[in-house]
Amino acid sequence: MTDSECPECPEESGPAAGPYAYAPIADTEDAVQRSTRPNCRYKQSYPGDDAWCKAGPVFPLRKQRITDALNRMAALGGVCADLASLGQTLLSSGWLRVYNRGPNTSYAGGGFAPLGAGSGGYLLLDAGWTDFYYDQDKYAEESTYITGAWVTVKRNLQYALAHELDHLRGRQHLDLKSQGGKTYLTENSILCGGNQ
């Protein structure tokens, strides 16, 4: 990877370090209520919108990794292909961005998208997904309780995209907390995230 491909990306060698030693956090407030895209000419009151405005265009290497993840999702067919198509639309039109955690932003979630906004929405992802946890061999694991059993979920770029794209299609988090599970799952995030 060269600086021109992604000047803010870390070097490929070695494990994730610093703020990315662990996968981006699951943000239970990531299905934001918005009717319009942020106007970045003005100061943003929501930290996620502020991070989105500061993120700018997606660097080529990150864009390729996102495209690869969307292609893997599309290959699953059905609703996953529909979600992948929405993701590709947002990516090609510049409404999908990647932000770097750090002192320039107060947002610290793994990503977000406006609930039910569809192709009129926008999507923000934490750079940890594109720089460290970006394919089937690079992921973080988390266990949660689903339908009477504990399962291990592989969380990577494809999973994060499926999760946020589900929000754009109007799907909230599943209510698993009452069963002792986590609330970061959406209806299609496991299947379309490659966790068959």
Protein backbone atom coordinates (compact mmCIF):
# COMPACT_ATOMS: atom_id res chain seq x y z
CA MET A 1 0.00 0.00 0.00
CA THR A 2 1.33 3.41 -0.87
CA ASP A 3 0.65 6.78 0.71
CA SER A 4 -1.16 7.90 -2.44
CA GLU A 5 -3.58 4.95 -2.13
CA CYS A 6 -4.36 5.71 1.49
CA PRO A 7 -2.15 8.23 3.30
CA GLU A 8 -3.88 7.60 6.63
CA CYS A 9 -3.89 3.78 6.43
CA PRO A 10 -1.51 1.84 8.66
CA GLU A 11 1.23 -0.38 7.30
CA GLU A 12 0.11 -3.89 6.31
CA SER A 13 2.66 -5.70 8.46
CA GLY A 14 1.85 -6.78 12.00
CA PRO A 15 -1.41 -7.04 13.93
CA ALA A 16 -3.82 -4.20 14.52
CA ALA A 17 -2.49 -1.77 17.12
CA GLY A 18 -3.39 1.46 18.87
CA PRO A 19 -7.08 2.32 18.65
CA TYR A 20 -7.59 -0.66 16.29
CA ALA A 21 -6.13 -3.36 18.53
CA TYR A 22 -9.77 -4.38 18.93
CA ALA A 23 -12.60 -4.34 16.41
CA PRO A 24 -14.63 -1.14 16.18
CA ILE A 25 -17.21 -0.97 18.92
CA ALA A 26 -20.79 -1.94 18.29
CA ASP A 27 -22.78 1.26 18.50
CA THR A 28 -26.38 0.71 19.60
CA GLU A 29 -27.19 4.26 18.46
CA ASP A 30 -26.06 3.67 14.87
CA ALA A 31 -29.53 3.62 13.30
CA VAL A 32 -29.89 7.39 13.30
CA GLN A 33 -33.12 9.23 12.55
CA ARG A 34 -32.43 11.56 9.61
CA SER A 35 -34.56 12.76 6.73
CA THR A 36 -31.74 14.47 4.81
CA ARG A 37 -28.03 14.05 4.24
CA PRO A 38 -25.79 16.38 6.25
CA ASN A 39 -24.82 19.68 4.68
CA CYS A 40 -21.10 19.70 5.42
CA ARG A 41 -20.80 23.45 4.88
CA TYR A 42 -22.23 23.85 8.36
CA LYS A 43 -21.14 22.62 11.78
CA GLN A 44 -22.81 19.32 12.60
CA SER A 45 -24.42 18.77 16.03
CA TYR A 46 -24.44 14.94 15.82
CA PRO A 47 -20.89 13.54 16.25
CA GLY A 48 -21.50 10.89 13.56
CA ASP A 49 -22.48 13.51 10.98
CA ASP A 50 -19.44 15.57 11.96
CA ALA A 51 -17.22 12.51 11.43
CA TRP A 52 -18.96 11.81 8.11
CA CYS A 53 -18.31 15.36 6.89
CA LYS A 54 -14.65 15.20 7.94
CA ALA A 55 -14.13 11.78 6.30
CA GLY A 56 -14.12 12.89 2.67
CA PRO A 57 -13.80 10.51 -0.30
CA VAL A 58 -12.83 6.86 0.19
CA PHE A 59 -9.19 6.15 -0.71
CA PRO A 60 -8.61 3.59 -3.54
CA LEU A 61 -7.41 0.71 -1.35
CA ARG A 62 -10.30 1.12 1.06
CA LYS A 63 -12.72 1.41 -1.88
CA GLN A 64 -11.41 -1.85 -3.32
CA ARG A 65 -11.82 -3.64 0.01
CA ILE A 66 -15.38 -2.32 0.32
CA THR A 67 -16.12 -3.42 -3.26
CA ASP A 68 -14.70 -6.89 -2.53
CA ALA A 69 -16.88 -7.20 0.59
CA LEU A 70 -19.97 -6.06 -1.35
CA ASN A 71 -19.19 -8.59 -4.10
CA ARG A 72 -18.96 -11.40 -1.50
CA MET A 73 -22.30 -10.22 -0.11
CA ALA A 74 -23.92 -10.09 -3.55
CA ALA A 75 -22.76 -13.64 -4.28
CA LEU A 76 -24.97 -14.84 -1.40
CA GLY A 77 -28.02 -13.81 -3.45
CA GLY A 78 -31.50 -12.77 -2.33
CA VAL A 79 -31.71 -9.97 0.24
CA CYS A 80 -27.90 -9.97 0.48
CA ALA A 81 -27.63 -9.10 -3.23
CA ASP A 82 -30.15 -6.29 -2.69
CA LEU A 83 -28.14 -4.90 0.24
CA ALA A 84 -24.90 -5.17 -1.77
CA SER A 85 -26.48 -3.27 -4.67
CA LEU A 86 -27.51 -0.47 -2.31
CA GLY A 87 -23.97 -0.38 -0.90
CA GLN A 88 -22.45 -0.18 -4.37
CA THR A 89 -24.80 2.67 -5.26
CA LEU A 90 -23.75 4.63 -2.15
CA LEU A 91 -20.05 3.88 -2.72
CA SER A 92 -20.06 4.92 -6.39
CA SER A 93 -21.98 8.12 -5.65
CA GLY A 94 -19.76 9.18 -2.74
CA TRP A 95 -22.38 8.66 -0.01
CA LEU A 96 -20.38 5.95 1.73
CA ARG A 97 -17.39 7.22 3.71
CA VAL A 98 -14.73 5.87 6.06
CA TYR A 99 -13.57 7.85 9.07
CA ASN A 100 -10.47 7.61 11.25
CA ARG A 101 -10.94 7.54 15.01
CA GLY A 102 -8.88 10.11 16.79
CA PRO A 103 -8.68 13.63 18.15
CA ASN A 104 -10.40 15.21 15.13
CA THR A 105 -13.76 13.61 15.85
CA SER A 106 -15.84 12.86 18.91
CA TYR A 107 -17.64 9.96 17.21
CA ALA A 108 -16.31 6.53 18.23
CA GLY A 109 -18.81 4.05 16.82
CA GLY A 110 -18.21 1.30 14.29
CA GLY A 111 -20.44 3.08 11.81
CA PHE A 112 -23.95 4.38 11.25
CA ALA A 113 -26.67 4.92 8.67
CA PRO A 114 -30.04 6.71 8.71
CA LEU A 115 -32.88 4.28 9.40
CA GLY A 116 -35.03 3.65 6.33
CA ALA A 117 -33.29 6.20 4.09
CA GLY A 118 -32.49 3.69 1.32
CA SER A 119 -30.49 5.03 -1.62
CA GLY A 120 -31.27 8.58 -0.45
CA GLY A 121 -29.19 8.01 2.66
CA TYR A 122 -25.52 7.83 3.54
CA LEU A 123 -23.27 5.46 5.43
CA LEU A 124 -20.22 5.94 7.65
CA LEU A 125 -17.76 3.16 8.58
CA ASP A 126 -14.91 3.13 11.05
CA ALA A 127 -11.52 2.74 9.30
CA GLY A 128 -10.86 -0.33 11.44
CA TRP A 129 -13.18 -2.28 9.16
CA THR A 130 -11.34 -1.33 5.95
CA ASP A 131 -7.80 -1.34 7.34
CA PHE A 132 -7.71 -4.37 9.66
CA TYR A 133 -10.92 -6.42 9.66
CA TYR A 134 -11.64 -6.43 5.94
CA ASP A 135 -12.01 -10.01 4.69
CA GLN A 136 -12.94 -13.55 5.64
CA ASP A 137 -9.51 -14.15 7.21
CA LYS A 138 -9.34 -10.84 9.08
CA TYR A 139 -12.17 -10.52 11.59
CA ALA A 140 -13.03 -10.14 15.25
CA GLU A 141 -15.22 -12.65 17.05
CA GLU A 142 -18.00 -11.94 19.49
CA SER A 143 -20.46 -14.30 21.12
CA THR A 144 -24.13 -13.57 21.56
CA TYR A 145 -27.27 -15.43 22.50
CA ILE A 146 -29.67 -16.01 19.59
CA THR A 147 -32.81 -18.16 19.56
CA GLY A 148 -31.85 -20.28 22.55
CA ALA A 149 -28.16 -20.82 21.81
CA TRP A 150 -24.83 -19.03 22.08
CA VAL A 151 -23.28 -18.35 18.69
CA THR A 152 -19.98 -16.79 17.67
CA VAL A 153 -20.29 -13.99 15.15
CA LYS A 154 -17.38 -13.05 12.90
CA ARG A 155 -17.37 -9.26 12.69
CA ASN A 156 -15.55 -7.83 9.68
CA LEU A 157 -16.09 -5.31 6.88
CA GLN A 158 -18.73 -7.41 5.15
CA TYR A 159 -20.62 -7.82 8.44
CA ALA A 160 -20.41 -4.06 9.20
CA LEU A 161 -21.69 -3.20 5.72
CA ALA A 162 -24.59 -5.66 5.99
CA HIS A 163 -25.49 -4.23 9.40
CA GLU A 164 -25.52 -0.58 8.28
CA LEU A 165 -27.19 -1.37 4.94
CA ASP A 166 -29.93 -3.17 6.91
CA HIS A 167 -30.53 0.11 8.76
CA LEU A 168 -30.82 1.96 5.44
CA ARG A 169 -33.51 -0.57 4.47
CA GLY A 170 -35.39 0.26 7.69
CA ARG A 171 -34.31 -2.63 9.89
CA GLN A 172 -33.61 -1.89 13.56
CA HIS A 173 -31.39 -3.90 15.90
CA LEU A 174 -32.82 -7.22 17.01
CA ASP A 175 -33.97 -7.19 20.63
CA LEU A 176 -31.70 -9.88 22.05
CA LYS A 177 -30.80 -8.14 25.28
CA SER A 178 -33.78 -9.61 27.14
CA GLN A 179 -32.37 -13.06 26.27
CA GLY A 180 -28.88 -12.17 27.47
CA GLY A 181 -27.60 -11.41 23.98
CA LYS A 182 -26.12 -8.33 22.34
CA THR A 183 -28.12 -5.67 20.55
CA TYR A 184 -25.73 -5.07 17.65
CA LEU A 185 -27.33 -7.60 15.30
CA THR A 186 -29.81 -6.72 12.57
CA GLU A 187 -32.09 -9.08 10.68
CA ASN A 188 -29.59 -9.79 7.88
CA SER A 189 -26.22 -8.91 9.42
CA ILE A 190 -25.26 -12.50 10.19
CA LEU A 191 -26.29 -14.08 6.87
CA CYS A 192 -25.22 -11.20 4.60
CA GLY A 193 -22.13 -10.61 6.72
CA GLY A 194 -20.86 -14.05 5.67
CA ASN A 195 -21.70 -15.86 8.93
CA GLN A 196 -23.94 -18.56 7.40
